[in-house]
Amino acid sequence: MTRSEALRVQRYLREKFENEAFIVKERRPSDGTAEVMLGDEFIGVVYRDEDEGEVSFAFHMTILDFDLPAVS
């Protein structure tokens, strides 16, 4: 994933979730992925996929059970 693509995904996430704290950092060496941070916290990975000339991005976020709040 290029720096330009990472910045485009970052802008998309910030606008979609109305939160300027999203930071998307491409990995070096580039492997088609970027790390997604919310402030200082790592929250997931964005994967770049190209199929028949069409490019898409998939955001994967793992939520651990012990991080979830209890439900009353």
Protein backbone atom coordinates (compact mmCIF):
# COMPACT_ATOMS: atom_id res chain seq x y z
CA MET A 1 0.00 0.00 0.00
CA THR A 2 1.37 3.39 -0.96
CA ARG A 3 1.47 6.42 1.32
CA SER A 4 -1.13 8.08 -0.89
CA GLU A 5 -3.50 5.11 -0.53
CA ALA A 6 -2.99 5.03 3.25
CA LEU A 7 -3.85 8.74 3.48
CA ARG A 8 -6.97 8.22 1.35
CA VAL A 9 -8.13 5.37 3.62
CA GLN A 10 -7.34 7.51 6.68
CA ARG A 11 -9.46 10.36 5.33
CA TYR A 12 -12.29 7.94 4.56
CA LEU A 13 -12.25 6.51 8.11
CA ARG A 14 -12.11 9.97 9.68
CA GLU A 15 -15.07 11.17 7.63
CA LYS A 16 -17.12 7.97 7.95
CA PHE A 17 -16.77 7.77 11.75
CA GLU A 18 -16.52 11.54 12.32
CA ASN A 19 -13.31 11.04 14.30
CA GLU A 20 -10.02 12.77 13.50
CA ALA A 21 -8.06 10.38 15.76
CA PHE A 22 -7.77 7.68 13.04
CA ILE A 23 -4.21 7.23 11.78
CA VAL A 24 -3.35 4.84 8.95
CA LYS A 25 0.34 3.93 8.58
CA GLU A 26 1.61 1.91 5.65
CA ARG A 27 4.06 -0.82 6.57
CA ARG A 28 7.67 -0.90 5.39
CA PRO A 29 8.57 -2.82 3.42
CA SER A 30 5.19 -2.51 1.77
CA ASP A 31 3.21 -5.75 1.84
CA GLY A 32 -0.15 -4.35 0.77
CA THR A 33 -1.26 -3.63 4.33
CA ALA A 34 -1.40 -0.68 6.70
CA GLU A 35 -1.87 -0.40 10.45
CA VAL A 36 -4.91 1.47 11.77
CA MET A 37 -4.51 3.39 14.99
CA LEU A 38 -7.14 5.24 17.00
CA GLY A 39 -5.03 7.76 18.82
CA ASP A 40 -2.21 5.73 20.38
CA GLU A 41 -4.09 2.41 20.27
CA PHE A 42 -3.61 -0.15 17.50
CA ILE A 43 -7.09 -1.26 16.42
CA GLY A 44 -6.66 -3.16 13.18
CA VAL A 45 -5.19 -3.68 9.74
CA VAL A 46 -6.26 -2.50 6.28
CA TYR A 47 -5.56 -4.91 3.43
CA ARG A 48 -5.20 -3.75 -0.17
CA ASP A 49 -6.63 -6.08 -2.81
CA GLU A 50 -6.41 -5.79 -6.57
CA ASP A 51 -8.52 -8.06 -8.75
CA GLU A 52 -8.83 -7.64 -12.51
CA GLY A 53 -7.64 -4.04 -12.24
CA GLU A 54 -10.09 -3.06 -9.50
CA VAL A 55 -8.59 -2.00 -6.17
CA SER A 56 -10.39 -2.40 -2.84
CA PHE A 57 -9.44 -2.07 0.81
CA ALA A 58 -10.63 -4.30 3.66
CA PHE A 59 -10.43 -3.19 7.29
CA HIS A 60 -10.00 -6.01 9.83
CA MET A 61 -10.49 -5.31 13.53
CA THR A 62 -10.26 -7.98 16.20
CA ILE A 63 -12.22 -7.38 19.41
CA LEU A 64 -11.15 -9.44 22.39
CA ASP A 65 -13.88 -10.78 24.67
CA PHE A 66 -12.39 -9.24 27.80
CA ASP A 67 -12.45 -5.79 26.16
CA LEU A 68 -16.23 -5.91 25.77
CA PRO A 69 -18.40 -4.26 28.42
CA ALA A 70 -20.81 -6.32 30.45
CA VAL A 71 -24.48 -6.18 29.47
CA SER A 72 -27.05 -5.72 32.20
